[in-house]
Amino acid sequence: MGAGGRLVVVENSPSEIGLRPLLLASGVTDDELRQLRASESLTTLRPGAYLPADDPRLEDVFARHVLLVRATVRKVAPDAVASHASAAVLHGLPLWRTALDRVHVTKDRRSGGRRTSLLHVHVAALDGDEIVEVDGVAVTSVARTVADLARSESFEQALVPADAALHRHLVVPDDLTDAVGRGAHRSGTPRARRVIAFADAGSMSPGETLSRLAIHRAGLPPPVLQYEIPGTGAEVDFWWPMFRTAGEFDGLAKYGRLLAPEQTAADAVVAEKIREDRVRDEQVGVVRWTWDELPPRFAPVVARIRASFDRA
């Protein structure tokens, strides 16, 4: 770090994070670190770990958590393995309303668990095949990660990464069943079994996962997921064949998936309208909903779906 206040990236620093011991060894002083923090040129990721304040990764909650994990795991203990929500983020799994203020690690021990404002140390048995490496960090496997979240988070929060892991072919149902079964004595296992039993590879996004759960809890018949209606070339999120009714969750990501090269979001909306017209031409009822209509505001959606059933 020079007199001009520029952060010098230390070689071998994980994800270009400036770790205090390495910075001091390279000649940077604590006074210089304090001056850079005071001028807001430097951001403290966690005590002893720094990044330039203009690093764009700090603006994204998931990217920031990856940095926090990398800055934390090596300080905990050599046998610490990133787990739970931290492992999900490193595996690129989506999360919904899951707190990312703490780094989660698991140690293969019987005792010694602790929780601070920045760290949650879990203690539990870890088999060798339940540990993988992601960009140089020891992480619980996808199956073990989903099982841990299914034990520790709410049903909805756990179902989102479970569906995503299946949809992306990172695991198969038997992998999840085995991962939960290995820890049958652990707290939360009954809920974890219910999450795994309900998980489905057909949900393509968190919004579709939460919609599927809301449909189930409303007592509606289970729909077919990702069904292509014959004669239209159009695939719908949810399909009730007996009632010729299609359900569509409209999240912003959907329009992103529809974008072709040089196509704008407005073009995608028009294309979606044309697609829906083809579906309606087949005498199919189409019910749409958005994030704002998911539980606890799903009752009007249920009413629209039932009304479409009655018209069939």
C-alpha atoms as a PDB file:
ATOM      1  CA  MET A   1       0.000   0.000   0.000  1.00  0.00           C
ATOM      2  CA  GLY A   2       1.690   3.180  -1.149  1.00  0.00           C
ATOM      3  CA  ALA A   3       1.646   6.745   0.044  1.00  0.00           C
ATOM      4  CA  GLY A   4      -1.195   7.535  -2.315  1.00  0.00           C
ATOM      5  CA  GLY A   5      -3.504   5.282  -0.334  1.00  0.00           C
ATOM      6  CA  ARG A   6      -3.777   2.546  -2.978  1.00  0.00           C
ATOM      7  CA  LEU A   7      -4.488  -0.948  -1.708  1.00  0.00           C
ATOM      8  CA  VAL A   8      -1.777  -3.312  -2.855  1.00  0.00           C
ATOM      9  CA  VAL A   9      -3.196  -6.763  -3.603  1.00  0.00           C
ATOM     10  CA  VAL A  10      -1.143  -9.330  -1.749  1.00  0.00           C
ATOM     11  CA  GLU A  11      -0.226 -12.430  -3.727  1.00  0.00           C
ATOM     12  CA  ASN A  12      -2.113 -15.563  -2.713  1.00  0.00           C
ATOM     13  CA  SER A  13      -4.712 -13.460  -0.891  1.00  0.00           C
ATOM     14  CA  PRO A  14      -8.055 -15.299  -1.372  1.00  0.00           C
ATOM     15  CA  SER A  15     -10.287 -13.473  -3.877  1.00  0.00           C
ATOM     16  CA  GLU A  16      -7.917 -10.487  -3.609  1.00  0.00           C
ATOM     17  CA  ILE A  17      -8.957  -9.874  -0.024  1.00  0.00           C
ATOM     18  CA  GLY A  18      -6.338  -7.936   1.917  1.00  0.00           C
ATOM     19  CA  LEU A  19      -5.623  -9.964   5.048  1.00  0.00           C
ATOM     20  CA  ARG A  20      -3.953  -7.981   7.823  1.00  0.00           C
ATOM     21  CA  PRO A  21      -1.083 -10.421   8.570  1.00  0.00           C
ATOM     22  CA  LEU A  22      -0.092 -10.518   4.905  1.00  0.00           C
ATOM     23  CA  LEU A  23      -0.447  -6.761   4.532  1.00  0.00           C
ATOM     24  CA  LEU A  24       1.732  -6.130   7.586  1.00  0.00           C
ATOM     25  CA  ALA A  25       4.296  -8.604   6.286  1.00  0.00           C
ATOM     26  CA  SER A  26       4.416  -6.691   3.002  1.00  0.00           C
ATOM     27  CA  GLY A  27       5.225  -3.430   4.806  1.00  0.00           C
ATOM     28  CA  VAL A  28       1.779  -1.886   5.268  1.00  0.00           C
ATOM     29  CA  THR A  29       1.298  -0.321   8.693  1.00  0.00           C
ATOM     30  CA  ASP A  30      -1.751  -0.286  10.923  1.00  0.00           C
ATOM     31  CA  ASP A  31      -1.753   3.517  10.690  1.00  0.00           C
ATOM     32  CA  GLU A  32      -2.080   3.269   6.908  1.00  0.00           C
ATOM     33  CA  LEU A  33      -4.942   0.812   7.270  1.00  0.00           C
ATOM     34  CA  ARG A  34      -6.715   3.140   9.691  1.00  0.00           C
ATOM     35  CA  GLN A  35      -6.238   6.099   7.343  1.00  0.00           C
ATOM     36  CA  LEU A  36      -7.660   4.201   4.384  1.00  0.00           C
ATOM     37  CA  ARG A  37     -10.668   3.041   6.396  1.00  0.00           C
ATOM     38  CA  ALA A  38     -11.258   6.558   7.704  1.00  0.00           C
ATOM     39  CA  SER A  39     -11.176   7.962   4.165  1.00  0.00           C
ATOM     40  CA  GLU A  40     -13.613   5.224   3.069  1.00  0.00           C
ATOM     41  CA  SER A  41     -11.139   4.025   0.462  1.00  0.00           C
ATOM     42  CA  LEU A  42     -11.047   0.669   2.197  1.00  0.00           C
ATOM     43  CA  THR A  43     -13.919  -1.470   3.499  1.00  0.00           C
ATOM     44  CA  THR A  44     -13.569  -3.854   6.412  1.00  0.00           C
ATOM     45  CA  LEU A  45     -15.070  -7.146   5.301  1.00  0.00           C
ATOM     46  CA  ARG A  46     -14.483  -8.594   8.756  1.00  0.00           C
ATOM     47  CA  PRO A  47     -11.844  -7.748  11.377  1.00  0.00           C
ATOM     48  CA  GLY A  48      -8.480  -8.193   9.685  1.00  0.00           C
ATOM     49  CA  ALA A  49      -9.850  -8.544   6.142  1.00  0.00           C
ATOM     50  CA  TYR A  50     -10.150  -5.620   3.753  1.00  0.00           C
ATOM     51  CA  LEU A  51     -11.309  -4.765   0.243  1.00  0.00           C
ATOM     52  CA  PRO A  52     -11.275  -1.571  -1.833  1.00  0.00           C
ATOM     53  CA  ALA A  53     -14.530   0.244  -1.083  1.00  0.00           C
ATOM     54  CA  ASP A  54     -15.429   0.377  -4.772  1.00  0.00           C
ATOM     55  CA  ASP A  55     -15.262  -3.406  -5.244  1.00  0.00           C
ATOM     56  CA  PRO A  56     -18.584  -4.194  -7.052  1.00  0.00           C
ATOM     57  CA  ARG A  57     -18.919  -7.514  -5.237  1.00  0.00           C
ATOM     58  CA  LEU A  58     -19.713  -5.641  -2.049  1.00  0.00           C
ATOM     59  CA  GLU A  59     -23.010  -4.483  -3.580  1.00  0.00           C
ATOM     60  CA  ASP A  60     -24.337  -8.023  -4.103  1.00  0.00           C
ATOM     61  CA  VAL A  61     -25.389  -9.915  -0.987  1.00  0.00           C
ATOM     62  CA  PHE A  62     -24.335 -13.308  -2.396  1.00  0.00           C
ATOM     63  CA  ALA A  63     -21.006 -12.144  -3.821  1.00  0.00           C
ATOM     64  CA  ARG A  64     -20.237 -10.364  -0.547  1.00  0.00           C
ATOM     65  CA  HIS A  65     -21.011 -13.526   1.410  1.00  0.00           C
ATOM     66  CA  VAL A  66     -18.614 -15.530  -0.772  1.00  0.00           C
ATOM     67  CA  LEU A  67     -15.882 -13.031   0.106  1.00  0.00           C
ATOM     68  CA  LEU A  68     -16.813 -13.215   3.779  1.00  0.00           C
ATOM     69  CA  VAL A  69     -16.620 -17.014   3.706  1.00  0.00           C
ATOM     70  CA  ARG A  70     -13.197 -16.959   2.078  1.00  0.00           C
ATOM     71  CA  ALA A  71     -11.931 -14.427   4.614  1.00  0.00           C
ATOM     72  CA  THR A  72     -13.339 -16.396   7.556  1.00  0.00           C
ATOM     73  CA  VAL A  73     -12.963 -20.143   7.008  1.00  0.00           C
ATOM     74  CA  ARG A  74      -9.181 -20.217   7.156  1.00  0.00           C
ATOM     75  CA  LYS A  75      -9.208 -18.268  10.425  1.00  0.00           C
ATOM     76  CA  VAL A  76     -11.557 -20.661  12.198  1.00  0.00           C
ATOM     77  CA  ALA A  77      -9.589 -23.935  12.143  1.00  0.00           C
ATOM     78  CA  PRO A  78      -7.864 -26.153   9.579  1.00  0.00           C
ATOM     79  CA  ASP A  79     -10.733 -28.665   9.746  1.00  0.00           C
ATOM     80  CA  ALA A  80     -13.544 -26.095   9.384  1.00  0.00           C
ATOM     81  CA  VAL A  81     -15.814 -26.809   6.407  1.00  0.00           C
ATOM     82  CA  ALA A  82     -18.146 -24.167   4.977  1.00  0.00           C
ATOM     83  CA  SER A  83     -21.701 -25.442   5.424  1.00  0.00           C
ATOM     84  CA  HIS A  84     -25.405 -24.601   5.565  1.00  0.00           C
ATOM     85  CA  ALA A  85     -26.240 -21.258   3.915  1.00  0.00           C
ATOM     86  CA  SER A  86     -22.572 -20.474   3.278  1.00  0.00           C
ATOM     87  CA  ALA A  87     -22.132 -23.735   1.392  1.00  0.00           C
ATOM     88  CA  ALA A  88     -25.301 -23.076  -0.600  1.00  0.00           C
ATOM     89  CA  VAL A  89     -23.934 -19.716  -1.735  1.00  0.00           C
ATOM     90  CA  LEU A  90     -20.592 -21.241  -2.731  1.00  0.00           C
ATOM     91  CA  HIS A  91     -22.426 -23.926  -4.723  1.00  0.00           C
ATOM     92  CA  GLY A  92     -24.467 -21.206  -6.446  1.00  0.00           C
ATOM     93  CA  LEU A  93     -27.792 -22.415  -5.049  1.00  0.00           C
ATOM     94  CA  PRO A  94     -30.575 -19.837  -4.643  1.00  0.00           C
ATOM     95  CA  LEU A  95     -31.762 -18.905  -1.185  1.00  0.00           C
ATOM     96  CA  TRP A  96     -34.959 -17.184  -0.098  1.00  0.00           C
ATOM     97  CA  ARG A  97     -35.102 -15.043   3.042  1.00  0.00           C
ATOM     98  CA  THR A  98     -32.151 -16.933   4.521  1.00  0.00           C
ATOM     99  CA  ALA A  99     -29.880 -14.746   6.624  1.00  0.00           C
ATOM    100  CA  LEU A 100     -26.355 -14.279   5.288  1.00  0.00           C
ATOM    101  CA  ASP A 101     -24.971 -12.152   8.091  1.00  0.00           C
ATOM    102  CA  ARG A 102     -22.977 -15.060   9.536  1.00  0.00           C
ATOM    103  CA  VAL A 103     -20.544 -17.505   7.965  1.00  0.00           C
ATOM    104  CA  HIS A 104     -21.555 -21.106   8.693  1.00  0.00           C
ATOM    105  CA  VAL A 105     -18.926 -23.804   9.156  1.00  0.00           C
ATOM    106  CA  THR A 106     -19.118 -27.371  10.409  1.00  0.00           C
ATOM    107  CA  LYS A 107     -16.446 -29.216  12.372  1.00  0.00           C
ATOM    108  CA  ASP A 108     -16.400 -32.998  12.675  1.00  0.00           C
ATOM    109  CA  ARG A 109     -16.549 -32.965  16.460  1.00  0.00           C
ATOM    110  CA  ARG A 110     -18.961 -33.760  19.281  1.00  0.00           C
ATOM    111  CA  SER A 111     -18.720 -30.391  21.013  1.00  0.00           C
ATOM    112  CA  GLY A 112     -17.355 -26.897  20.571  1.00  0.00           C
ATOM    113  CA  GLY A 113     -20.191 -25.293  18.626  1.00  0.00           C
ATOM    114  CA  ARG A 114     -20.541 -21.541  19.009  1.00  0.00           C
ATOM    115  CA  ARG A 115     -22.241 -18.559  17.496  1.00  0.00           C
ATOM    116  CA  THR A 116     -21.065 -14.956  17.209  1.00  0.00           C
ATOM    117  CA  SER A 117     -22.242 -11.954  15.215  1.00  0.00           C
ATOM    118  CA  LEU A 118     -20.168 -13.092  12.209  1.00  0.00           C
ATOM    119  CA  LEU A 119     -19.734 -16.844  12.666  1.00  0.00           C
ATOM    120  CA  HIS A 120     -21.805 -19.947  13.418  1.00  0.00           C
ATOM    121  CA  VAL A 121     -19.753 -23.057  14.155  1.00  0.00           C
ATOM    122  CA  HIS A 122     -21.784 -26.260  13.898  1.00  0.00           C
ATOM    123  CA  VAL A 123     -20.446 -29.549  15.251  1.00  0.00           C
ATOM    124  CA  ALA A 124     -21.563 -32.779  13.586  1.00  0.00           C
ATOM    125  CA  ALA A 125     -20.161 -35.890  11.993  1.00  0.00           C
ATOM    126  CA  LEU A 126     -18.836 -35.339   8.460  1.00  0.00           C
ATOM    127  CA  ASP A 127     -18.026 -38.253   6.198  1.00  0.00           C
ATOM    128  CA  GLY A 128     -15.247 -37.835   3.663  1.00  0.00           C
ATOM    129  CA  ASP A 129     -17.625 -37.928   0.695  1.00  0.00           C
ATOM    130  CA  GLU A 130     -19.648 -35.105   2.255  1.00  0.00           C
ATOM    131  CA  ILE A 131     -16.770 -32.656   1.780  1.00  0.00           C
ATOM    132  CA  VAL A 132     -15.853 -31.136  -1.585  1.00  0.00           C
ATOM    133  CA  GLU A 133     -13.697 -28.218  -2.665  1.00  0.00           C
ATOM    134  CA  VAL A 134     -15.055 -25.068  -4.305  1.00  0.00           C
ATOM    135  CA  ASP A 135     -12.416 -22.598  -5.482  1.00  0.00           C
ATOM    136  CA  GLY A 136      -9.979 -23.784  -2.854  1.00  0.00           C
ATOM    137  CA  VAL A 137     -12.476 -23.773   0.040  1.00  0.00           C
ATOM    138  CA  ALA A 138     -13.604 -26.961   1.799  1.00  0.00           C
ATOM    139  CA  VAL A 139     -17.412 -27.070   1.495  1.00  0.00           C
ATOM    140  CA  THR A 140     -20.102 -29.582   2.369  1.00  0.00           C
ATOM    141  CA  SER A 141     -21.380 -31.454  -0.688  1.00  0.00           C
ATOM    142  CA  VAL A 142     -24.566 -30.276  -2.367  1.00  0.00           C
ATOM    143  CA  ALA A 143     -26.571 -33.165  -0.879  1.00  0.00           C
ATOM    144  CA  ARG A 144     -25.230 -32.563   2.646  1.00  0.00           C
ATOM    145  CA  THR A 145     -25.799 -28.809   2.253  1.00  0.00           C
ATOM    146  CA  VAL A 146     -29.441 -29.303   1.275  1.00  0.00           C
ATOM    147  CA  ALA A 147     -29.931 -31.753   4.146  1.00  0.00           C
ATOM    148  CA  ASP A 148     -28.399 -29.327   6.667  1.00  0.00           C
ATOM    149  CA  LEU A 149     -30.615 -26.480   5.461  1.00  0.00           C
ATOM    150  CA  ALA A 150     -33.662 -28.752   5.564  1.00  0.00           C
ATOM    151  CA  ARG A 151     -32.934 -29.441   9.234  1.00  0.00           C
ATOM    152  CA  SER A 152     -32.161 -25.871  10.271  1.00  0.00           C
ATOM    153  CA  GLU A 153     -34.311 -23.531   8.131  1.00  0.00           C
ATOM    154  CA  SER A 154     -38.053 -23.221   7.611  1.00  0.00           C
ATOM    155  CA  PHE A 155     -39.773 -25.533   5.137  1.00  0.00           C
ATOM    156  CA  GLU A 156     -40.018 -22.758   2.522  1.00  0.00           C
ATOM    157  CA  GLN A 157     -36.425 -21.617   2.951  1.00  0.00           C
ATOM    158  CA  ALA A 158     -35.104 -25.186   2.667  1.00  0.00           C
ATOM    159  CA  LEU A 159     -37.301 -26.135  -0.285  1.00  0.00           C
ATOM    160  CA  VAL A 160     -35.899 -23.403  -2.550  1.00  0.00           C
ATOM    161  CA  PRO A 161     -32.307 -24.768  -2.670  1.00  0.00           C
ATOM    162  CA  ALA A 162     -33.570 -28.370  -2.631  1.00  0.00           C
ATOM    163  CA  ASP A 163     -35.644 -27.815  -5.784  1.00  0.00           C
ATOM    164  CA  ALA A 164     -32.763 -25.942  -7.434  1.00  0.00           C
ATOM    165  CA  ALA A 165     -30.250 -28.699  -6.692  1.00  0.00           C
ATOM    166  CA  LEU A 166     -32.564 -31.262  -8.308  1.00  0.00           C
ATOM    167  CA  HIS A 167     -33.440 -29.028 -11.268  1.00  0.00           C
ATOM    168  CA  ARG A 168     -29.764 -28.363 -12.034  1.00  0.00           C
ATOM    169  CA  HIS A 169     -28.980 -32.091 -11.814  1.00  0.00           C
ATOM    170  CA  LEU A 170     -26.480 -31.486  -9.014  1.00  0.00           C
ATOM    171  CA  VAL A 171     -28.143 -34.302  -7.078  1.00  0.00           C
ATOM    172  CA  VAL A 172     -30.826 -36.927  -7.554  1.00  0.00           C
ATOM    173  CA  PRO A 173     -33.562 -37.666  -4.988  1.00  0.00           C
ATOM    174  CA  ASP A 174     -31.709 -40.685  -3.613  1.00  0.00           C
ATOM    175  CA  ASP A 175     -28.699 -38.466  -2.829  1.00  0.00           C
ATOM    176  CA  LEU A 176     -30.868 -36.234  -0.665  1.00  0.00           C
ATOM    177  CA  THR A 177     -32.590 -39.166   1.016  1.00  0.00           C
ATOM    178  CA  ASP A 178     -29.183 -40.659   1.861  1.00  0.00           C
ATOM    179  CA  ALA A 179     -27.833 -37.331   3.166  1.00  0.00           C
ATOM    180  CA  VAL A 180     -30.778 -36.911   5.532  1.00  0.00           C
ATOM    181  CA  GLY A 181     -30.631 -40.561   6.580  1.00  0.00           C
ATOM    182  CA  ARG A 182     -27.001 -40.301   7.659  1.00  0.00           C
ATOM    183  CA  GLY A 183     -27.982 -37.794  10.322  1.00  0.00           C
ATOM    184  CA  ALA A 184     -31.228 -39.411  11.417  1.00  0.00           C
ATOM    185  CA  HIS A 185     -30.505 -38.599  15.081  1.00  0.00           C
ATOM    186  CA  ARG A 186     -30.002 -34.875  14.469  1.00  0.00           C
ATOM    187  CA  SER A 187     -32.500 -32.215  15.412  1.00  0.00           C
ATOM    188  CA  GLY A 188     -34.805 -31.221  12.569  1.00  0.00           C
ATOM    189  CA  THR A 189     -34.632 -34.541  10.729  1.00  0.00           C
ATOM    190  CA  PRO A 190     -38.436 -35.093  10.525  1.00  0.00           C
ATOM    191  CA  ARG A 191     -38.821 -31.718   8.788  1.00  0.00           C
ATOM    192  CA  ALA A 192     -35.853 -32.483   6.550  1.00  0.00           C
ATOM    193  CA  ARG A 193     -37.513 -35.704   5.416  1.00  0.00           C
ATOM    194  CA  ARG A 194     -40.675 -33.764   4.532  1.00  0.00           C
ATOM    195  CA  VAL A 195     -38.670 -31.197   2.542  1.00  0.00           C
ATOM    196  CA  ILE A 196     -36.850 -33.898   0.576  1.00  0.00           C
ATOM    197  CA  ALA A 197     -40.088 -35.775  -0.098  1.00  0.00           C
ATOM    198  CA  PHE A 198     -41.727 -32.638  -1.493  1.00  0.00           C
ATOM    199  CA  ALA A 199     -38.728 -31.361  -3.489  1.00  0.00           C
ATOM    200  CA  ASP A 200     -39.185 -31.490  -7.266  1.00  0.00           C
ATOM    201  CA  ALA A 201     -36.783 -30.943 -10.160  1.00  0.00           C
ATOM    202  CA  GLY A 202     -39.575 -29.342 -12.177  1.00  0.00           C
ATOM    203  CA  SER A 203     -39.431 -26.029 -10.328  1.00  0.00           C
ATOM    204  CA  MET A 204     -37.157 -23.734 -12.305  1.00  0.00           C
ATOM    205  CA  SER A 205     -36.923 -20.785  -9.909  1.00  0.00           C
ATOM    206  CA  PRO A 206     -37.565 -19.815  -6.281  1.00  0.00           C
ATOM    207  CA  GLY A 207     -40.830 -18.167  -7.342  1.00  0.00           C
ATOM    208  CA  GLU A 208     -42.037 -21.380  -8.953  1.00  0.00           C
ATOM    209  CA  THR A 209     -41.009 -23.359  -5.878  1.00  0.00           C
ATOM    210  CA  LEU A 210     -42.959 -21.057  -3.560  1.00  0.00           C
ATOM    211  CA  SER A 211     -45.904 -21.112  -5.966  1.00  0.00           C
ATOM    212  CA  ARG A 212     -45.930 -24.910  -6.016  1.00  0.00           C
ATOM    213  CA  LEU A 213     -45.956 -24.991  -2.225  1.00  0.00           C
ATOM    214  CA  ALA A 214     -48.747 -22.393  -2.072  1.00  0.00           C
ATOM    215  CA  ILE A 215     -50.807 -24.444  -4.537  1.00  0.00           C
ATOM    216  CA  HIS A 216     -50.323 -27.534  -2.382  1.00  0.00           C
ATOM    217  CA  ARG A 217     -51.242 -25.760   0.833  1.00  0.00           C
ATOM    218  CA  ALA A 218     -54.361 -24.300  -0.780  1.00  0.00           C
ATOM    219  CA  GLY A 219     -55.633 -27.836  -1.390  1.00  0.00           C
ATOM    220  CA  LEU A 220     -55.565 -27.542  -5.174  1.00  0.00           C
ATOM    221  CA  PRO A 221     -54.840 -30.642  -7.258  1.00  0.00           C
ATOM    222  CA  PRO A 222     -51.115 -31.115  -7.908  1.00  0.00           C
ATOM    223  CA  PRO A 223     -50.224 -29.662 -11.327  1.00  0.00           C
ATOM    224  CA  VAL A 224     -47.878 -31.037 -13.959  1.00  0.00           C
ATOM    225  CA  LEU A 225     -44.727 -28.903 -14.023  1.00  0.00           C
ATOM    226  CA  GLN A 226     -43.157 -27.429 -17.176  1.00  0.00           C
ATOM    227  CA  TYR A 227     -45.734 -28.846 -19.601  1.00  0.00           C
ATOM    228  CA  GLU A 228     -45.664 -28.097 -23.324  1.00  0.00           C
ATOM    229  CA  ILE A 229     -49.222 -27.691 -24.603  1.00  0.00           C
ATOM    230  CA  PRO A 230     -49.613 -29.641 -27.868  1.00  0.00           C
ATOM    231  CA  GLY A 231     -50.046 -27.551 -30.980  1.00  0.00           C
ATOM    232  CA  THR A 232     -48.695 -24.352 -29.416  1.00  0.00           C
ATOM    233  CA  GLY A 233     -44.988 -24.922 -28.872  1.00  0.00           C
ATOM    234  CA  ALA A 234     -45.551 -23.137 -25.555  1.00  0.00           C
ATOM    235  CA  GLU A 235     -44.401 -24.517 -22.214  1.00  0.00           C
ATOM    236  CA  VAL A 236     -46.279 -23.447 -19.094  1.00  0.00           C
ATOM    237  CA  ASP A 237     -45.081 -23.525 -15.488  1.00  0.00           C
ATOM    238  CA  PHE A 238     -48.117 -25.392 -14.122  1.00  0.00           C
ATOM    239  CA  TRP A 239     -50.702 -27.479 -15.961  1.00  0.00           C
ATOM    240  CA  TRP A 240     -53.941 -29.052 -14.760  1.00  0.00           C
ATOM    241  CA  PRO A 241     -54.943 -31.391 -17.623  1.00  0.00           C
ATOM    242  CA  MET A 242     -58.392 -32.277 -16.248  1.00  0.00           C
ATOM    243  CA  PHE A 243     -59.333 -28.596 -16.150  1.00  0.00           C
ATOM    244  CA  ARG A 244     -57.326 -27.385 -19.178  1.00  0.00           C
ATOM    245  CA  THR A 245     -55.854 -24.684 -16.997  1.00  0.00           C
ATOM    246  CA  ALA A 246     -52.316 -23.318 -17.100  1.00  0.00           C
ATOM    247  CA  GLY A 247     -50.646 -21.449 -14.259  1.00  0.00           C
ATOM    248  CA  GLU A 248     -47.813 -19.017 -14.876  1.00  0.00           C
ATOM    249  CA  PHE A 249     -45.574 -17.386 -12.289  1.00  0.00           C
ATOM    250  CA  ASP A 250     -44.309 -14.078 -13.672  1.00  0.00           C
ATOM    251  CA  GLY A 251     -40.944 -13.326 -12.138  1.00  0.00           C
ATOM    252  CA  LEU A 252     -38.537 -10.903 -13.800  1.00  0.00           C
ATOM    253  CA  ALA A 253     -36.122 -13.770 -14.413  1.00  0.00           C
ATOM    254  CA  LYS A 254     -38.607 -15.373 -16.788  1.00  0.00           C
ATOM    255  CA  TYR A 255     -38.303 -12.520 -19.259  1.00  0.00           C
ATOM    256  CA  GLY A 256     -34.537 -12.703 -18.961  1.00  0.00           C
ATOM    257  CA  ARG A 257     -34.695 -16.351 -20.022  1.00  0.00           C
ATOM    258  CA  LEU A 258     -36.737 -15.371 -23.069  1.00  0.00           C
ATOM    259  CA  LEU A 259     -34.236 -12.819 -24.349  1.00  0.00           C
ATOM    260  CA  ALA A 260     -32.551 -13.722 -27.627  1.00  0.00           C
ATOM    261  CA  PRO A 261     -29.518 -11.836 -28.973  1.00  0.00           C
ATOM    262  CA  GLU A 262     -30.393  -8.151 -29.548  1.00  0.00           C
ATOM    263  CA  GLN A 263     -33.850  -8.696 -28.021  1.00  0.00           C
ATOM    264  CA  THR A 264     -35.076  -6.159 -25.467  1.00  0.00           C
ATOM    265  CA  ALA A 265     -37.211  -6.785 -22.399  1.00  0.00           C
ATOM    266  CA  ALA A 266     -40.124  -5.135 -24.228  1.00  0.00           C
ATOM    267  CA  ASP A 267     -39.641  -7.580 -27.117  1.00  0.00           C
ATOM    268  CA  ALA A 268     -39.755 -10.436 -24.623  1.00  0.00           C
ATOM    269  CA  VAL A 269     -43.027  -9.194 -23.150  1.00  0.00           C
ATOM    270  CA  VAL A 270     -44.566  -9.005 -26.632  1.00  0.00           C
ATOM    271  CA  ALA A 271     -43.307 -12.510 -27.415  1.00  0.00           C
ATOM    272  CA  GLU A 272     -44.830 -13.741 -24.167  1.00  0.00           C
ATOM    273  CA  LYS A 273     -48.177 -12.152 -25.110  1.00  0.00           C
ATOM    274  CA  ILE A 274     -48.116 -13.912 -28.496  1.00  0.00           C
ATOM    275  CA  ARG A 275     -47.262 -17.195 -26.767  1.00  0.00           C
ATOM    276  CA  GLU A 276     -50.184 -16.780 -24.370  1.00  0.00           C
ATOM    277  CA  ASP A 277     -52.554 -16.019 -27.252  1.00  0.00           C
ATOM    278  CA  ARG A 278     -51.556 -19.337 -28.855  1.00  0.00           C
ATOM    279  CA  VAL A 279     -52.309 -21.102 -25.585  1.00  0.00           C
ATOM    280  CA  ARG A 280     -55.716 -19.436 -25.231  1.00  0.00           C
ATOM    281  CA  ASP A 281     -56.543 -20.374 -28.854  1.00  0.00           C
ATOM    282  CA  GLU A 282     -56.439 -23.994 -27.656  1.00  0.00           C
ATOM    283  CA  GLN A 283     -59.301 -23.233 -25.232  1.00  0.00           C
ATOM    284  CA  VAL A 284     -56.936 -23.220 -22.293  1.00  0.00           C
ATOM    285  CA  GLY A 285     -57.511 -21.056 -19.241  1.00  0.00           C
ATOM    286  CA  VAL A 286     -54.405 -19.122 -18.194  1.00  0.00           C
ATOM    287  CA  VAL A 287     -53.929 -17.798 -14.667  1.00  0.00           C
ATOM    288  CA  ARG A 288     -50.942 -15.577 -13.924  1.00  0.00           C
ATOM    289  CA  TRP A 289     -49.495 -14.272 -10.679  1.00  0.00           C
ATOM    290  CA  THR A 290     -46.443 -12.366  -9.480  1.00  0.00           C
ATOM    291  CA  TRP A 291     -44.158 -12.170  -6.457  1.00  0.00           C
ATOM    292  CA  ASP A 292     -46.543  -9.707  -4.823  1.00  0.00           C
ATOM    293  CA  GLU A 293     -49.315 -12.337  -4.893  1.00  0.00           C
ATOM    294  CA  LEU A 294     -47.410 -15.150  -3.229  1.00  0.00           C
ATOM    295  CA  PRO A 295     -48.346 -16.045   0.371  1.00  0.00           C
ATOM    296  CA  PRO A 296     -49.699 -14.547   2.476  1.00  0.00           C
ATOM    297  CA  ARG A 297     -51.592 -12.895  -0.425  1.00  0.00           C
ATOM    298  CA  PHE A 298     -52.259 -16.028  -2.506  1.00  0.00           C
ATOM    299  CA  ALA A 299     -56.013 -16.395  -1.842  1.00  0.00           C
ATOM    300  CA  PRO A 300     -57.088 -14.302  -4.888  1.00  0.00           C
ATOM    301  CA  VAL A 301     -54.845 -16.450  -7.094  1.00  0.00           C
ATOM    302  CA  VAL A 302     -56.487 -19.593  -5.752  1.00  0.00           C
ATOM    303  CA  ALA A 303     -59.888 -18.086  -6.525  1.00  0.00           C
ATOM    304  CA  ARG A 304     -58.830 -17.345 -10.127  1.00  0.00           C
ATOM    305  CA  ILE A 305     -57.512 -20.884 -10.559  1.00  0.00           C
ATOM    306  CA  ARG A 306     -60.732 -22.414  -9.197  1.00  0.00           C
ATOM    307  CA  ALA A 307     -62.785 -20.129 -11.457  1.00  0.00           C
ATOM    308  CA  SER A 308     -60.795 -21.406 -14.443  1.00  0.00           C
ATOM    309  CA  PHE A 309     -61.450 -24.980 -13.294  1.00  0.00           C
ATOM    310  CA  ASP A 310     -65.193 -24.249 -13.201  1.00  0.00           C
ATOM    311  CA  ARG A 311     -65.124 -22.961 -16.796  1.00  0.00           C
ATOM    312  CA  ALA A 312     -63.483 -26.122 -18.109  1.00  0.00           C
END
